[in-house]
Amino acid sequence: MKHHWIKFIHERNTYVVDLNHISSFACANNGRLMFWLPDGKGWIVIHPKTNPDAYQQILDYLEKTAGQSFCSELKAKLVR
């Protein structure tokens, strides 16, 4: 399996995470993306306005992996 690493800052900590090791993602009504770290020790919340690079990398990964748009309705609202 090919690794898909991203690096981001969350709550003053820098994380480097292989998205292939995340078991599930959630999309909130306000556009936030959420997931548990692979070790199960922390819940990460990525907002498009506070961390746009990581947010876009995760969306791109999910769209490529799932073959469909993730949070597409919310993404359209945020772009406006």
PDB file of N, CA and C in Angstrom:
ATOM      1  N   MET A   1       0.854  -1.178   0.000  1.00  0.00           N
ATOM      2  CA  MET A   1       0.000   0.000   0.000  1.00  0.00           C
ATOM      3  C   MET A   1       0.900   1.242   0.000  1.00  0.00           C
ATOM      4  N   LYS A   2       0.580   2.174  -0.847  1.00  0.00           N
ATOM      5  CA  LYS A   2       1.317   3.426  -0.919  1.00  0.00           C
ATOM      6  C   LYS A   2       0.944   4.311   0.269  1.00  0.00           C
ATOM      7  N   HIS A   3       1.943   4.982   0.819  1.00  0.00           N
ATOM      8  CA  HIS A   3       1.696   5.880   1.946  1.00  0.00           C
ATOM      9  C   HIS A   3       1.240   7.236   1.438  1.00  0.00           C
ATOM     10  N   HIS A   4       0.398   7.879   2.207  1.00  0.00           N
ATOM     11  CA  HIS A   4      -0.078   9.221   1.867  1.00  0.00           C
ATOM     12  C   HIS A   4       0.066  10.092   3.114  1.00  0.00           C
ATOM     13  N   TRP A   5       1.250  10.660   3.269  1.00  0.00           N
ATOM     14  CA  TRP A   5       1.575  11.439   4.459  1.00  0.00           C
ATOM     15  C   TRP A   5       1.146  12.888   4.310  1.00  0.00           C
ATOM     16  N   ILE A   6       0.627  13.451   5.394  1.00  0.00           N
ATOM     17  CA  ILE A   6       0.385  14.892   5.452  1.00  0.00           C
ATOM     18  C   ILE A   6       0.973  15.407   6.768  1.00  0.00           C
ATOM     19  N   LYS A   7       1.329  16.678   6.755  1.00  0.00           N
ATOM     20  CA  LYS A   7       1.872  17.326   7.943  1.00  0.00           C
ATOM     21  C   LYS A   7       1.007  18.532   8.250  1.00  0.00           C
ATOM     22  N   PHE A   8       0.623  18.693   9.524  1.00  0.00           N
ATOM     23  CA  PHE A   8      -0.211  19.819   9.910  1.00  0.00           C
ATOM     24  C   PHE A   8      -0.001  20.140  11.383  1.00  0.00           C
ATOM     25  N   ILE A   9      -0.416  21.322  11.757  1.00  0.00           N
ATOM     26  CA  ILE A   9      -0.354  21.759  13.155  1.00  0.00           C
ATOM     27  C   ILE A   9      -1.769  21.772  13.708  1.00  0.00           C
ATOM     28  N   HIS A  10      -1.931  21.170  14.869  1.00  0.00           N
ATOM     29  CA  HIS A  10      -3.238  21.101  15.532  1.00  0.00           C
ATOM     30  C   HIS A  10      -3.009  21.320  17.024  1.00  0.00           C
ATOM     31  N   GLU A  11      -3.640  22.362  17.565  1.00  0.00           N
ATOM     32  CA  GLU A  11      -3.526  22.691  18.988  1.00  0.00           C
ATOM     33  C   GLU A  11      -2.056  22.742  19.437  1.00  0.00           C
ATOM     34  N   ARG A  12      -1.269  23.495  18.699  1.00  0.00           N
ATOM     35  CA  ARG A  12       0.157  23.747  18.991  1.00  0.00           C
ATOM     36  C   ARG A  12       1.059  22.531  18.862  1.00  0.00           C
ATOM     37  N   ASN A  13       0.573  21.447  18.316  1.00  0.00           N
ATOM     38  CA  ASN A  13       1.392  20.261  18.075  1.00  0.00           C
ATOM     39  C   ASN A  13       1.496  20.035  16.576  1.00  0.00           C
ATOM     40  N   THR A  14       2.653  19.588  16.127  1.00  0.00           N
ATOM     41  CA  THR A  14       2.846  19.255  14.721  1.00  0.00           C
ATOM     42  C   THR A  14       2.662  17.752  14.551  1.00  0.00           C
ATOM     43  N   TYR A  15       1.833  17.381  13.601  1.00  0.00           N
ATOM     44  CA  TYR A  15       1.543  15.975  13.322  1.00  0.00           C
ATOM     45  C   TYR A  15       1.979  15.627  11.912  1.00  0.00           C
ATOM     46  N   VAL A  16       2.475  14.424  11.740  1.00  0.00           N
ATOM     47  CA  VAL A  16       2.743  13.839  10.434  1.00  0.00           C
ATOM     48  C   VAL A  16       1.981  12.524  10.444  1.00  0.00           C
ATOM     49  N   VAL A  17       0.974  12.433   9.582  1.00  0.00           N
ATOM     50  CA  VAL A  17       0.035  11.310   9.623  1.00  0.00           C
ATOM     51  C   VAL A  17      -0.073  10.676   8.245  1.00  0.00           C
ATOM     52  N   ASP A  18      -0.060   9.355   8.210  1.00  0.00           N
ATOM     53  CA  ASP A  18      -0.333   8.616   6.983  1.00  0.00           C
ATOM     54  C   ASP A  18      -1.852   8.415   6.913  1.00  0.00           C
ATOM     55  N   LEU A  19      -2.490   9.081   5.972  1.00  0.00           N
ATOM     56  CA  LEU A  19      -3.954   9.014   5.872  1.00  0.00           C
ATOM     57  C   LEU A  19      -4.462   7.604   5.606  1.00  0.00           C
ATOM     58  N   ASN A  20      -3.625   6.732   5.054  1.00  0.00           N
ATOM     59  CA  ASN A  20      -4.040   5.348   4.824  1.00  0.00           C
ATOM     60  C   ASN A  20      -4.278   4.589   6.126  1.00  0.00           C
ATOM     61  N   HIS A  21      -3.795   5.116   7.231  1.00  0.00           N
ATOM     62  CA  HIS A  21      -3.962   4.443   8.516  1.00  0.00           C
ATOM     63  C   HIS A  21      -5.117   5.007   9.345  1.00  0.00           C
ATOM     64  N   ILE A  22      -5.856   5.948   8.778  1.00  0.00           N
ATOM     65  CA  ILE A  22      -7.042   6.487   9.453  1.00  0.00           C
ATOM     66  C   ILE A  22      -8.218   5.594   9.083  1.00  0.00           C
ATOM     67  N   SER A  23      -8.915   5.096  10.083  1.00  0.00           N
ATOM     68  CA  SER A  23      -9.997   4.141   9.803  1.00  0.00           C
ATOM     69  C   SER A  23     -11.292   4.810   9.371  1.00  0.00           C
ATOM     70  N   SER A  24     -11.534   6.057   9.820  1.00  0.00           N
ATOM     71  CA  SER A  24     -12.768   6.730   9.412  1.00  0.00           C
ATOM     72  C   SER A  24     -12.608   8.235   9.515  1.00  0.00           C
ATOM     73  N   PHE A  25     -13.375   8.918   8.703  1.00  0.00           N
ATOM     74  CA  PHE A  25     -13.409  10.376   8.683  1.00  0.00           C
ATOM     75  C   PHE A  25     -14.847  10.811   8.851  1.00  0.00           C
ATOM     76  N   ALA A  26     -15.033  11.994   9.402  1.00  0.00           N
ATOM     77  CA  ALA A  26     -16.380  12.558   9.539  1.00  0.00           C
ATOM     78  C   ALA A  26     -16.342  13.992   9.044  1.00  0.00           C
ATOM     79  N   CYS A  27     -17.475  14.429   8.526  1.00  0.00           N
ATOM     80  CA  CYS A  27     -17.609  15.789   8.028  1.00  0.00           C
ATOM     81  C   CYS A  27     -18.753  16.449   8.796  1.00  0.00           C
ATOM     82  N   ALA A  28     -18.456  17.557   9.479  1.00  0.00           N
ATOM     83  CA  ALA A  28     -19.469  18.260  10.269  1.00  0.00           C
ATOM     84  C   ALA A  28     -20.211  19.276   9.404  1.00  0.00           C
ATOM     85  N   ASN A  29     -21.348  19.753   9.894  1.00  0.00           N
ATOM     86  CA  ASN A  29     -22.163  20.711   9.145  1.00  0.00           C
ATOM     87  C   ASN A  29     -21.443  22.011   8.834  1.00  0.00           C
ATOM     88  N   ASN A  30     -20.490  22.398   9.659  1.00  0.00           N
ATOM     89  CA  ASN A  30     -19.768  23.644   9.423  1.00  0.00           C
ATOM     90  C   ASN A  30     -18.547  23.446   8.528  1.00  0.00           C
ATOM     91  N   GLY A  31     -18.371  22.242   7.979  1.00  0.00           N
ATOM     92  CA  GLY A  31     -17.292  21.973   7.052  1.00  0.00           C
ATOM     93  C   GLY A  31     -16.050  21.369   7.664  1.00  0.00           C
ATOM     94  N   ARG A  32     -16.019  21.213   8.970  1.00  0.00           N
ATOM     95  CA  ARG A  32     -14.845  20.619   9.611  1.00  0.00           C
ATOM     96  C   ARG A  32     -14.727  19.146   9.253  1.00  0.00           C
ATOM     97  N   LEU A  33     -13.485  18.704   9.089  1.00  0.00           N
ATOM     98  CA  LEU A  33     -13.188  17.285   8.902  1.00  0.00           C
ATOM     99  C   LEU A  33     -12.641  16.754  10.220  1.00  0.00           C
ATOM    100  N   MET A  34     -13.080  15.573  10.603  1.00  0.00           N
ATOM    101  CA  MET A  34     -12.659  15.000  11.880  1.00  0.00           C
ATOM    102  C   MET A  34     -12.210  13.562  11.683  1.00  0.00           C
ATOM    103  N   PHE A  35     -11.194  13.162  12.460  1.00  0.00           N
ATOM    104  CA  PHE A  35     -10.734  11.785  12.439  1.00  0.00           C
ATOM    105  C   PHE A  35      -9.927  11.495  13.695  1.00  0.00           C
ATOM    106  N   TRP A  36      -9.851  10.201  14.046  1.00  0.00           N
ATOM    107  CA  TRP A  36      -9.021   9.761  15.163  1.00  0.00           C
ATOM    108  C   TRP A  36      -7.640   9.467  14.632  1.00  0.00           C
ATOM    109  N   LEU A  37      -6.620   9.796  15.437  1.00  0.00           N
ATOM    110  CA  LEU A  37      -5.257   9.413  15.081  1.00  0.00           C
ATOM    111  C   LEU A  37      -5.148   7.898  15.103  1.00  0.00           C
ATOM    112  N   PRO A  38      -4.241   7.330  14.316  1.00  0.00           N
ATOM    113  CA  PRO A  38      -4.131   5.865  14.246  1.00  0.00           C
ATOM    114  C   PRO A  38      -3.903   5.184  15.590  1.00  0.00           C
ATOM    115  N   ASP A  39      -3.232   5.852  16.534  1.00  0.00           N
ATOM    116  CA  ASP A  39      -2.997   5.227  17.835  1.00  0.00           C
ATOM    117  C   ASP A  39      -4.204   5.332  18.762  1.00  0.00           C
ATOM    118  N   GLY A  40      -5.255   6.013  18.307  1.00  0.00           N
ATOM    119  CA  GLY A  40      -6.479   6.145  19.092  1.00  0.00           C
ATOM    120  C   GLY A  40      -6.375   7.088  20.264  1.00  0.00           C
ATOM    121  N   LYS A  41      -5.314   7.887  20.317  1.00  0.00           N
ATOM    122  CA  LYS A  41      -5.102   8.754  21.468  1.00  0.00           C
ATOM    123  C   LYS A  41      -5.623  10.166  21.277  1.00  0.00           C
ATOM    124  N   GLY A  42      -6.103  10.488  20.110  1.00  0.00           N
ATOM    125  CA  GLY A  42      -6.577  11.850  19.932  1.00  0.00           C
ATOM    126  C   GLY A  42      -7.488  12.018  18.734  1.00  0.00           C
ATOM    127  N   TRP A  43      -8.436  12.899  18.902  1.00  0.00           N
ATOM    128  CA  TRP A  43      -9.405  13.261  17.880  1.00  0.00           C
ATOM    129  C   TRP A  43      -8.901  14.540  17.231  1.00  0.00           C
ATOM    130  N   ILE A  44      -8.784  14.556  15.927  1.00  0.00           N
ATOM    131  CA  ILE A  44      -8.281  15.715  15.209  1.00  0.00           C
ATOM    132  C   ILE A  44      -9.438  16.371  14.463  1.00  0.00           C
ATOM    133  N   VAL A  45      -9.519  17.684  14.558  1.00  0.00           N
ATOM    134  CA  VAL A  45     -10.537  18.453  13.845  1.00  0.00           C
ATOM    135  C   VAL A  45      -9.799  19.453  12.966  1.00  0.00           C
ATOM    136  N   ILE A  46     -10.039  19.371  11.659  1.00  0.00           N
ATOM    137  CA  ILE A  46      -9.400  20.267  10.694  1.00  0.00           C
ATOM    138  C   ILE A  46     -10.477  21.170  10.104  1.00  0.00           C
ATOM    139  N   HIS A  47     -10.293  22.465  10.230  1.00  0.00           N
ATOM    140  CA  HIS A  47     -11.243  23.432   9.679  1.00  0.00           C
ATOM    141  C   HIS A  47     -10.622  24.084   8.448  1.00  0.00           C
ATOM    142  N   PRO A  48     -11.410  24.303   7.408  1.00  0.00           N
ATOM    143  CA  PRO A  48     -10.857  24.855   6.162  1.00  0.00           C
ATOM    144  C   PRO A  48     -10.280  26.260   6.298  1.00  0.00           C
ATOM    145  N   LYS A  49     -10.743  27.029   7.251  1.00  0.00           N
ATOM    146  CA  LYS A  49     -10.232  28.397   7.396  1.00  0.00           C
ATOM    147  C   LYS A  49      -8.971  28.465   8.252  1.00  0.00           C
ATOM    148  N   THR A  50      -8.818  27.564   9.198  1.00  0.00           N
ATOM    149  CA  THR A  50      -7.650  27.614  10.070  1.00  0.00           C
ATOM    150  C   THR A  50      -6.502  26.748   9.571  1.00  0.00           C
ATOM    151  N   ASN A  51      -6.802  25.741   8.754  1.00  0.00           N
ATOM    152  CA  ASN A  51      -5.767  24.859   8.233  1.00  0.00           C
ATOM    153  C   ASN A  51      -6.119  24.443   6.794  1.00  0.00           C
ATOM    154  N   PRO A  52      -6.126  25.418   5.865  1.00  0.00           N
ATOM    155  CA  PRO A  52      -6.609  25.139   4.511  1.00  0.00           C
ATOM    156  C   PRO A  52      -5.785  24.112   3.741  1.00  0.00           C
ATOM    157  N   ASP A  53      -4.471  24.076   3.944  1.00  0.00           N
ATOM    158  CA  ASP A  53      -3.647  23.115   3.200  1.00  0.00           C
ATOM    159  C   ASP A  53      -3.953  21.676   3.595  1.00  0.00           C
ATOM    160  N   ALA A  54      -3.957  21.411   4.889  1.00  0.00           N
ATOM    161  CA  ALA A  54      -4.262  20.058   5.365  1.00  0.00           C
ATOM    162  C   ALA A  54      -5.688  19.671   4.993  1.00  0.00           C
ATOM    163  N   TYR A  55      -6.610  20.612   5.112  1.00  0.00           N
ATOM    164  CA  TYR A  55      -8.009  20.355   4.771  1.00  0.00           C
ATOM    165  C   TYR A  55      -8.132  19.908   3.314  1.00  0.00           C
ATOM    166  N   GLN A  56      -7.473  20.638   2.413  1.00  0.00           N
ATOM    167  CA  GLN A  56      -7.555  20.309   0.989  1.00  0.00           C
ATOM    168  C   GLN A  56      -6.856  18.990   0.689  1.00  0.00           C
ATOM    169  N   GLN A  57      -5.734  18.723   1.334  1.00  0.00           N
ATOM    170  CA  GLN A  57      -5.030  17.456   1.129  1.00  0.00           C
ATOM    171  C   GLN A  57      -5.902  16.274   1.552  1.00  0.00           C
ATOM    172  N   ILE A  58      -6.607  16.427   2.660  1.00  0.00           N
ATOM    173  CA  ILE A  58      -7.478  15.349   3.128  1.00  0.00           C
ATOM    174  C   ILE A  58      -8.647  15.162   2.168  1.00  0.00           C
ATOM    175  N   LEU A  59      -9.266  16.257   1.736  1.00  0.00           N
ATOM    176  CA  LEU A  59     -10.369  16.138   0.771  1.00  0.00           C
ATOM    177  C   LEU A  59      -9.905  15.468  -0.513  1.00  0.00           C
ATOM    178  N   ASP A  60      -8.749  15.882  -1.016  1.00  0.00           N
ATOM    179  CA  ASP A  60      -8.216  15.278  -2.238  1.00  0.00           C
ATOM    180  C   ASP A  60      -7.975  13.788  -2.049  1.00  0.00           C
ATOM    181  N   TYR A  61      -7.406  13.427  -0.914  1.00  0.00           N
ATOM    182  CA  TYR A  61      -7.157  12.017  -0.604  1.00  0.00           C
ATOM    183  C   TYR A  61      -8.469  11.229  -0.570  1.00  0.00           C
ATOM    184  N   LEU A  62      -9.467  11.770   0.118  1.00  0.00           N
ATOM    185  CA  LEU A  62     -10.750  11.073   0.233  1.00  0.00           C
ATOM    186  C   LEU A  62     -11.435  10.936  -1.122  1.00  0.00           C
ATOM    187  N   GLU A  63     -11.382  11.970  -1.934  1.00  0.00           N
ATOM    188  CA  GLU A  63     -12.002  11.895  -3.257  1.00  0.00           C
ATOM    189  C   GLU A  63     -11.286  10.884  -4.146  1.00  0.00           C
ATOM    190  N   LYS A  64      -9.966  10.852  -4.067  1.00  0.00           N
ATOM    191  CA  LYS A  64      -9.191   9.899  -4.868  1.00  0.00           C
ATOM    192  C   LYS A  64      -9.435   8.468  -4.393  1.00  0.00           C
ATOM    193  N   THR A  65      -9.459   8.282  -3.078  1.00  0.00           N
ATOM    194  CA  THR A  65      -9.616   6.947  -2.503  1.00  0.00           C
ATOM    195  C   THR A  65     -11.033   6.412  -2.671  1.00  0.00           C
ATOM    196  N   ALA A  66     -12.034   7.254  -2.406  1.00  0.00           N
ATOM    197  CA  ALA A  66     -13.430   6.817  -2.460  1.00  0.00           C
ATOM    198  C   ALA A  66     -14.011   6.906  -3.866  1.00  0.00           C
ATOM    199  N   GLY A  67     -13.371   7.686  -4.729  1.00  0.00           N
ATOM    200  CA  GLY A  67     -13.880   7.838  -6.083  1.00  0.00           C
ATOM    201  C   GLY A  67     -15.090   8.749  -6.172  1.00  0.00           C
ATOM    202  N   GLN A  68     -15.360   9.473  -5.108  1.00  0.00           N
ATOM    203  CA  GLN A  68     -16.474  10.419  -5.110  1.00  0.00           C
ATOM    204  C   GLN A  68     -16.157  11.576  -4.185  1.00  0.00           C
ATOM    205  N   SER A  69     -16.912  12.629  -4.302  1.00  0.00           N
ATOM    206  CA  SER A  69     -16.669  13.819  -3.501  1.00  0.00           C
ATOM    207  C   SER A  69     -17.081  13.579  -2.056  1.00  0.00           C
ATOM    208  N   PHE A  70     -16.262  14.060  -1.147  1.00  0.00           N
ATOM    209  CA  PHE A  70     -16.533  13.942   0.282  1.00  0.00           C
ATOM    210  C   PHE A  70     -16.926  15.316   0.780  1.00  0.00           C
ATOM    211  N   CYS A  71     -18.026  15.427   1.460  1.00  0.00           N
ATOM    212  CA  CYS A  71     -18.524  16.713   1.959  1.00  0.00           C
ATOM    213  C   CYS A  71     -18.801  17.677   0.805  1.00  0.00           C
ATOM    214  N   SER A  72     -19.230  17.194  -0.320  1.00  0.00           N
ATOM    215  CA  SER A  72     -19.385  18.043  -1.500  1.00  0.00           C
ATOM    216  C   SER A  72     -20.369  19.188  -1.292  1.00  0.00           C
ATOM    217  N   GLU A  73     -21.470  18.942  -0.586  1.00  0.00           N
ATOM    218  CA  GLU A  73     -22.439  20.004  -0.352  1.00  0.00           C
ATOM    219  C   GLU A  73     -21.830  21.100   0.520  1.00  0.00           C
ATOM    220  N   LEU A  74     -21.096  20.678   1.543  1.00  0.00           N
ATOM    221  CA  LEU A  74     -20.469  21.646   2.435  1.00  0.00           C
ATOM    222  C   LEU A  74     -19.339  22.380   1.742  1.00  0.00           C
ATOM    223  N   LYS A  75     -18.588  21.675   0.940  1.00  0.00           N
ATOM    224  CA  LYS A  75     -17.480  22.280   0.216  1.00  0.00           C
ATOM    225  C   LYS A  75     -17.996  23.381  -0.705  1.00  0.00           C
ATOM    226  N   ALA A  76     -19.118  23.143  -1.344  1.00  0.00           N
ATOM    227  CA  ALA A  76     -19.702  24.148  -2.247  1.00  0.00           C
ATOM    228  C   ALA A  76     -20.103  25.400  -1.467  1.00  0.00           C
ATOM    229  N   LYS A  77     -20.626  25.242  -0.266  1.00  0.00           N
ATOM    230  CA  LYS A  77     -21.012  26.383   0.560  1.00  0.00           C
ATOM    231  C   LYS A  77     -19.805  27.174   1.010  1.00  0.00           C
ATOM    232  N   LEU A  78     -18.715  26.481   1.340  1.00  0.00           N
ATOM    233  CA  LEU A  78     -17.521  27.144   1.845  1.00  0.00           C
ATOM    234  C   LEU A  78     -16.797  27.929   0.763  1.00  0.00           C
ATOM    235  N   VAL A  79     -16.908  27.494  -0.476  1.00  0.00           N
ATOM    236  CA  VAL A  79     -16.215  28.153  -1.580  1.00  0.00           C
ATOM    237  C   VAL A  79     -16.871  29.476  -1.922  1.00  0.00           C
ATOM    238  N   ARG A  80     -18.165  29.580  -1.693  1.00  0.00           N
ATOM    239  CA  ARG A  80     -18.913  30.802  -2.046  1.00  0.00           C
ATOM    240  C   ARG A  80     -18.431  32.002  -1.316  1.00  0.00           C
TER     241      ARG A  80
END
